[in-house]
């Protein structure tokens, strides 16, 4: 009720009188008068000096007008914000990811379509990224591996072959491709045990019966690359993550199915969120080879 009374007061104060206020707001003059009188009565305050057909603000009325002006300006700002959000002209999308590779190709077309949406990205390991999603700290997650959770909707986005890379002076560097037996006895610099790339490679090695040597375990793709550049051993990496260099060569393995995968995930309960849906729709339309059929 107070807000209605304040609005009536504001209309009269801005118009300079009850009659003109009623005309400008397209309401009846008795309605405005009743609301303002109720406000004055409820708070034992005089807001207008009524002189003939004119109504002049008292000092208290001037002070209250300054407050209601801020109040209704902010109301209008909120209304405009909500209208803009409805049209996806403003808002925020928070993304969690295990790496920037897939995310950047997703964000570029989304930003072109919805430049008013503010984007933020947090990089972490799979466990942290999934936890942030479940704790509402992010809106969507881009992961190579997602633990099964009925609270989440997961969408397959892309798969990439795993390549073995080495210095150009290595004995295998002249090959066009590799088979698993080519790797017998080779020394590898590998990711940490939780890495999905390592999990895929180790599985292929175990299946093939080939024996390789792990000489160094490093939790950073960039550091592994530097170690390979220094001739310490071989490395393996998802095709999308390999950074070409005159000193390095990356080769596919033709006799083993070794892939890394990218999935997009979001909370099932947040499926109606317009920004999340706009992001998914952008991926569907511009994701090139992406297979975006939902998997429950």
Protein backbone atom coordinates (compact mmCIF):
# COMPACT_ATOMS: atom_id res chain seq x y z
CA UNK A 1 0.00 0.00 0.00
CA UNK A 2 2.86 2.40 0.82
CA UNK A 3 4.26 2.13 -2.70
CA UNK A 4 0.88 3.04 -4.20
CA UNK A 5 0.66 6.06 -1.92
CA UNK A 6 4.20 7.14 -2.78
CA UNK A 7 3.41 6.83 -6.48
CA UNK A 8 0.31 9.02 -6.05
CA UNK A 9 2.35 11.61 -4.15
CA UNK A 10 5.05 11.54 -6.84
CA UNK A 11 2.52 12.06 -9.63
CA UNK A 12 0.94 15.06 -7.91
CA UNK A 13 4.29 16.58 -6.94
CA UNK A 14 5.73 16.31 -10.44
CA UNK A 15 2.55 17.66 -12.06
CA UNK A 16 2.18 20.53 -9.60
CA UNK A 17 -1.36 19.69 -8.54
CA UNK A 18 -3.99 16.98 -8.09
CA UNK A 19 -6.02 17.78 -11.19
CA UNK A 20 -3.04 18.04 -13.53
CA UNK A 21 -1.56 14.92 -11.94
CA UNK A 22 -4.76 13.00 -12.57
CA UNK A 23 -4.74 14.07 -16.22
CA UNK A 24 -1.08 13.17 -16.75
CA UNK A 25 -1.44 9.74 -15.11
CA UNK A 26 -4.88 9.05 -16.57
CA UNK A 27 -6.40 8.31 -13.17
CA UNK A 28 -9.21 9.95 -11.29
CA UNK A 29 -8.43 13.00 -9.15
CA UNK A 30 -10.30 11.60 -6.12
CA UNK A 31 -8.11 8.50 -6.23
CA UNK A 32 -4.92 10.56 -6.09
CA UNK A 33 -6.32 12.75 -3.34
CA UNK A 34 -7.33 9.74 -1.23
CA UNK A 35 -3.91 8.10 -1.60
CA UNK A 36 -1.97 11.25 -0.67
CA UNK A 37 -4.25 12.00 2.29
CA UNK A 38 -3.79 8.42 3.52
CA UNK A 39 -0.01 8.82 3.28
CA UNK A 40 -0.11 12.07 5.24
CA UNK A 41 -2.44 10.58 7.83
CA UNK A 42 -0.51 7.32 8.29
CA UNK A 43 2.75 9.16 8.94
CA UNK A 44 1.34 12.33 10.55
CA UNK A 45 3.08 14.53 7.99
CA UNK A 46 2.04 17.42 5.75
CA UNK A 47 3.34 17.09 2.21
CA UNK A 48 1.37 19.79 0.38
CA UNK A 49 0.15 23.29 1.14
CA UNK A 50 -3.19 23.38 -0.65
CA UNK A 51 -4.02 26.87 -1.91
CA UNK A 52 -7.13 27.18 -4.04
CA UNK A 53 -6.52 24.96 -7.06
CA UNK A 54 -2.76 24.78 -6.51
CA UNK A 55 -0.79 22.39 -4.33
CA UNK A 56 2.68 23.45 -3.25
CA UNK A 57 5.17 21.12 -1.65
CA UNK A 58 6.06 21.63 1.98
CA UNK A 59 9.73 21.24 3.01
CA UNK A 60 8.93 17.62 3.93
CA UNK A 61 7.29 17.21 0.53
CA UNK A 62 10.45 18.47 -1.22
CA UNK A 63 12.56 15.98 0.72
CA UNK A 64 10.20 13.12 -0.07
CA UNK A 65 10.10 14.07 -3.76
CA UNK A 66 13.87 13.66 -3.96
CA UNK A 67 13.48 10.15 -2.53
CA UNK A 68 10.59 9.12 -4.78
CA UNK A 69 12.44 10.47 -7.81
CA UNK A 70 15.32 8.09 -7.09
CA UNK A 71 12.90 5.29 -6.30
CA UNK A 72 10.92 5.50 -9.51
CA UNK A 73 14.01 6.16 -11.64
CA UNK A 74 15.44 2.91 -10.31
CA UNK A 75 12.13 1.20 -10.94
CA UNK A 76 12.30 2.33 -14.55
CA UNK A 77 15.91 1.18 -14.76
CA UNK A 78 14.87 -2.24 -13.42
CA UNK A 79 12.05 -2.40 -15.96
CA UNK A 80 14.41 -1.53 -18.81
CA UNK A 81 16.93 -4.09 -17.56
CA UNK A 82 14.30 -6.82 -17.44
CA UNK A 83 13.09 -5.95 -20.92
CA UNK A 84 16.68 -6.08 -22.18
CA UNK A 85 17.28 -9.39 -20.40
CA UNK A 86 14.12 -10.78 -21.95
CA UNK A 87 15.53 -9.88 -25.35
CA UNK A 88 19.01 -11.21 -24.41
CA UNK A 89 20.49 -7.73 -24.67
CA UNK A 90 22.05 -7.96 -21.24
CA UNK A 91 22.96 -10.54 -18.62
CA UNK A 92 25.87 -12.84 -17.82
CA UNK A 93 26.99 -16.32 -18.82
CA UNK A 94 29.54 -18.04 -16.56
CA UNK A 95 31.41 -20.95 -18.09
CA UNK A 96 33.62 -23.51 -16.41
CA UNK A 97 36.07 -25.53 -18.50
CA UNK A 98 39.09 -27.81 -18.25
CA UNK A 99 40.79 -25.88 -21.04
CA UNK A 100 40.25 -22.95 -23.40
CA UNK A 101 40.32 -24.85 -26.68
CA UNK A 102 36.67 -25.73 -27.20
CA UNK A 103 35.32 -22.86 -25.14
CA UNK A 104 36.84 -20.12 -27.27
CA UNK A 105 35.33 -21.57 -30.45
CA UNK A 106 31.95 -21.65 -28.70
CA UNK A 107 32.14 -18.14 -27.26
CA UNK A 108 33.14 -16.33 -30.46
CA UNK A 109 29.83 -16.88 -32.34
CA UNK A 110 27.80 -16.44 -29.14
CA UNK A 111 29.43 -13.07 -28.49
CA UNK A 112 28.72 -11.98 -32.07
CA UNK A 113 25.04 -12.82 -31.67
CA UNK A 114 24.60 -11.46 -28.14
CA UNK A 115 27.22 -8.75 -27.56
CA UNK A 116 25.34 -7.44 -24.53
CA UNK A 117 25.79 -10.70 -22.59
CA UNK A 118 28.82 -10.52 -20.31
CA UNK A 119 30.98 -13.65 -20.51
CA UNK A 120 33.30 -15.09 -17.88
CA UNK A 121 35.33 -18.30 -17.92
CA UNK A 122 36.93 -20.29 -15.10
CA UNK A 123 39.55 -22.96 -15.89
CA UNK A 124 40.08 -25.94 -13.58
CA UNK A 125 40.29 -29.70 -13.46
CA UNK A 126 37.24 -31.84 -14.21
CA UNK A 127 36.27 -32.32 -10.57
CA UNK A 128 36.43 -28.61 -9.78
CA UNK A 129 34.54 -27.61 -12.93
CA UNK A 130 31.74 -30.09 -12.25
CA UNK A 131 31.52 -29.02 -8.59
CA UNK A 132 31.27 -25.35 -9.55
CA UNK A 133 28.39 -26.22 -11.88
CA UNK A 134 26.54 -28.14 -9.18
CA UNK A 135 27.15 -25.32 -6.68
CA UNK A 136 25.67 -22.68 -9.07
CA UNK A 137 29.00 -20.88 -9.44
CA UNK A 138 28.86 -21.45 -13.19
CA UNK A 139 26.01 -21.76 -15.68
CA UNK A 140 27.47 -24.27 -18.12
CA UNK A 141 30.55 -26.50 -18.11
CA UNK A 142 32.73 -27.80 -20.93
CA UNK A 143 34.36 -31.06 -19.86
CA UNK A 144 36.19 -34.01 -21.32
CA UNK A 145 34.79 -36.34 -18.67
CA UNK A 146 31.61 -35.94 -16.63
CA UNK A 147 30.70 -38.14 -13.69
CA UNK A 148 27.16 -39.47 -14.06
CA UNK A 149 24.77 -37.25 -12.13
CA UNK A 150 21.01 -37.16 -12.65
CA UNK A 151 20.99 -33.45 -11.82
CA UNK A 152 22.90 -32.70 -15.02
CA UNK A 153 22.05 -32.66 -18.70
CA UNK A 154 25.12 -33.54 -20.78
CA UNK A 155 25.51 -32.91 -24.49
CA UNK A 156 28.26 -34.50 -26.62
CA UNK A 157 30.01 -31.75 -28.51
CA UNK A 158 33.16 -32.96 -30.21
CA UNK A 159 35.71 -35.77 -30.28
CA UNK A 160 39.35 -35.53 -31.34
CA UNK A 161 42.01 -38.15 -31.98
CA UNK A 162 45.00 -38.29 -29.67
CA UNK A 163 48.33 -37.67 -31.44
CA UNK A 164 51.84 -38.65 -30.38
CA UNK A 165 54.29 -35.80 -30.76
CA UNK A 166 58.08 -35.66 -30.77
CA UNK A 167 61.04 -33.63 -31.93
CA UNK A 168 61.76 -33.64 -35.65
CA UNK A 169 65.09 -35.39 -35.02
CA UNK A 170 63.41 -38.40 -33.35
CA UNK A 171 63.61 -41.73 -35.21
CA UNK A 172 59.80 -41.80 -35.67
CA UNK A 173 59.47 -38.23 -36.93
CA UNK A 174 59.83 -39.21 -40.59
CA UNK A 175 56.74 -41.45 -40.42
CA UNK A 176 53.43 -40.28 -41.86
CA UNK A 177 51.54 -42.09 -39.11
CA UNK A 178 52.17 -44.61 -36.35
CA UNK A 179 50.92 -47.98 -35.22
CA UNK A 180 51.03 -49.02 -31.59
CA UNK A 181 54.02 -51.34 -32.01
CA UNK A 182 56.09 -48.35 -33.17
CA UNK A 183 55.93 -47.10 -29.59
CA UNK A 184 57.47 -50.19 -28.00
CA UNK A 185 60.04 -49.14 -25.40
CA UNK A 186 59.62 -45.41 -26.03
CA UNK A 187 59.91 -42.94 -23.14
CA UNK A 188 56.89 -40.73 -22.52
CA UNK A 189 56.21 -37.55 -20.56
CA UNK A 190 52.61 -37.87 -19.40
CA UNK A 191 49.80 -35.99 -17.69
CA UNK A 192 48.57 -36.70 -14.15
CA UNK A 193 46.56 -39.94 -13.59
CA UNK A 194 43.19 -38.12 -13.65
CA UNK A 195 43.77 -36.74 -17.15
CA UNK A 196 41.24 -37.98 -19.69
CA UNK A 197 43.91 -37.91 -22.40
CA UNK A 198 46.16 -40.14 -20.30
CA UNK A 199 43.25 -42.45 -19.50
CA UNK A 200 42.55 -42.92 -23.23
CA UNK A 201 46.20 -43.48 -24.10
CA UNK A 202 46.84 -45.90 -21.21
CA UNK A 203 43.80 -47.92 -22.24
CA UNK A 204 45.11 -48.25 -25.81
CA UNK A 205 48.55 -49.26 -24.56
CA UNK A 206 47.06 -51.91 -22.27
CA UNK A 207 44.86 -53.29 -25.06
CA UNK A 208 47.72 -53.49 -27.57
CA UNK A 209 50.19 -55.15 -25.20
CA UNK A 210 52.84 -52.58 -26.11
CA UNK A 211 55.24 -51.56 -23.34
CA UNK A 212 56.14 -47.88 -23.00
CA UNK A 213 58.12 -46.10 -20.31
CA UNK A 214 56.77 -43.25 -18.24
CA UNK A 215 59.78 -41.14 -17.33
CA UNK A 216 58.04 -37.98 -16.17
CA UNK A 217 54.55 -37.06 -14.94
CA UNK A 218 53.54 -33.41 -15.34
CA UNK A 219 50.18 -31.74 -14.73
CA UNK A 220 50.56 -29.16 -17.50
CA UNK A 221 50.31 -29.50 -21.28
CA UNK A 222 52.62 -26.54 -21.74
CA UNK A 223 55.37 -28.00 -19.55
CA UNK A 224 55.08 -31.38 -21.27
CA UNK A 225 55.54 -29.62 -24.59
CA UNK A 226 58.69 -27.91 -23.30
CA UNK A 227 60.05 -31.23 -22.05
CA UNK A 228 59.48 -32.83 -25.46
CA UNK A 229 61.16 -29.85 -27.13
CA UNK A 230 64.22 -30.52 -24.97
CA UNK A 231 64.36 -34.12 -26.18
CA UNK A 232 63.45 -35.72 -22.85
CA UNK A 233 60.86 -38.02 -24.42
CA UNK A 234 57.63 -38.25 -26.40
CA UNK A 235 54.28 -36.77 -25.51
CA UNK A 236 50.69 -37.27 -26.54
CA UNK A 237 47.95 -34.71 -26.86
CA UNK A 238 44.47 -34.22 -28.25
CA UNK A 239 44.65 -33.05 -31.86
CA UNK A 240 42.88 -29.78 -31.02
CA UNK A 241 45.46 -28.98 -28.33
CA UNK A 242 48.61 -29.53 -30.37
CA UNK A 243 50.54 -26.34 -31.09
CA UNK A 244 52.57 -26.66 -34.27
CA UNK A 245 56.25 -25.88 -34.16
CA UNK A 246 59.16 -26.24 -36.64
CA UNK A 247 60.89 -28.44 -34.07
CA UNK A 248 57.91 -30.72 -33.33
CA UNK A 249 55.87 -33.18 -35.34
CA UNK A 250 52.60 -34.83 -34.30
CA UNK A 251 51.48 -38.15 -35.76
CA UNK A 252 48.18 -40.08 -35.62
CA UNK A 253 47.96 -43.70 -34.52
CA UNK A 254 46.13 -45.69 -37.17
CA UNK A 255 45.53 -49.02 -35.44
CA UNK A 256 43.95 -47.79 -32.17
CA UNK A 257 40.82 -45.84 -31.29
CA UNK A 258 42.24 -43.12 -29.04
CA UNK A 259 40.03 -40.08 -28.63
CA UNK A 260 39.32 -37.27 -26.25
CA UNK A 261 35.80 -35.93 -25.94
CA UNK A 262 34.21 -32.60 -25.13
CA UNK A 263 30.80 -32.37 -23.50
CA UNK A 264 28.66 -29.42 -22.52
CA UNK A 265 26.76 -29.77 -19.25
CA UNK A 266 24.23 -27.70 -17.33
CA UNK A 267 21.87 -28.22 -14.41
CA UNK A 268 18.63 -29.91 -15.44
CA UNK A 269 16.59 -27.57 -13.22
CA UNK A 270 18.03 -24.55 -15.08
CA UNK A 271 16.99 -25.77 -18.52
CA UNK A 272 14.44 -22.91 -18.96
CA UNK A 273 17.18 -20.28 -18.52
CA UNK A 274 17.09 -18.16 -21.68
CA UNK A 275 20.81 -17.37 -21.75
CA UNK A 276 21.78 -21.03 -21.34
CA UNK A 277 19.37 -22.00 -24.11
CA UNK A 278 20.72 -19.24 -26.36
CA UNK A 279 24.24 -20.58 -25.78
CA UNK A 280 23.19 -24.14 -26.65
CA UNK A 281 21.31 -22.97 -29.73
CA UNK A 282 24.37 -21.04 -30.91
CA UNK A 283 26.46 -24.19 -30.60
CA UNK A 284 23.86 -26.18 -32.52
CA UNK A 285 23.89 -23.69 -35.38
CA UNK A 286 27.60 -22.92 -35.56
CA UNK A 287 29.26 -26.00 -34.06
CA UNK A 288 30.52 -27.33 -37.40
CA UNK A 289 30.81 -31.11 -36.86
CA UNK A 290 29.30 -31.02 -33.37
CA UNK A 291 26.78 -33.72 -32.56
CA UNK A 292 24.37 -32.10 -30.17
CA UNK A 293 21.79 -34.79 -29.61
CA UNK A 294 21.01 -34.82 -25.90
CA UNK A 295 22.15 -37.75 -23.83
CA UNK A 296 20.29 -38.24 -20.60
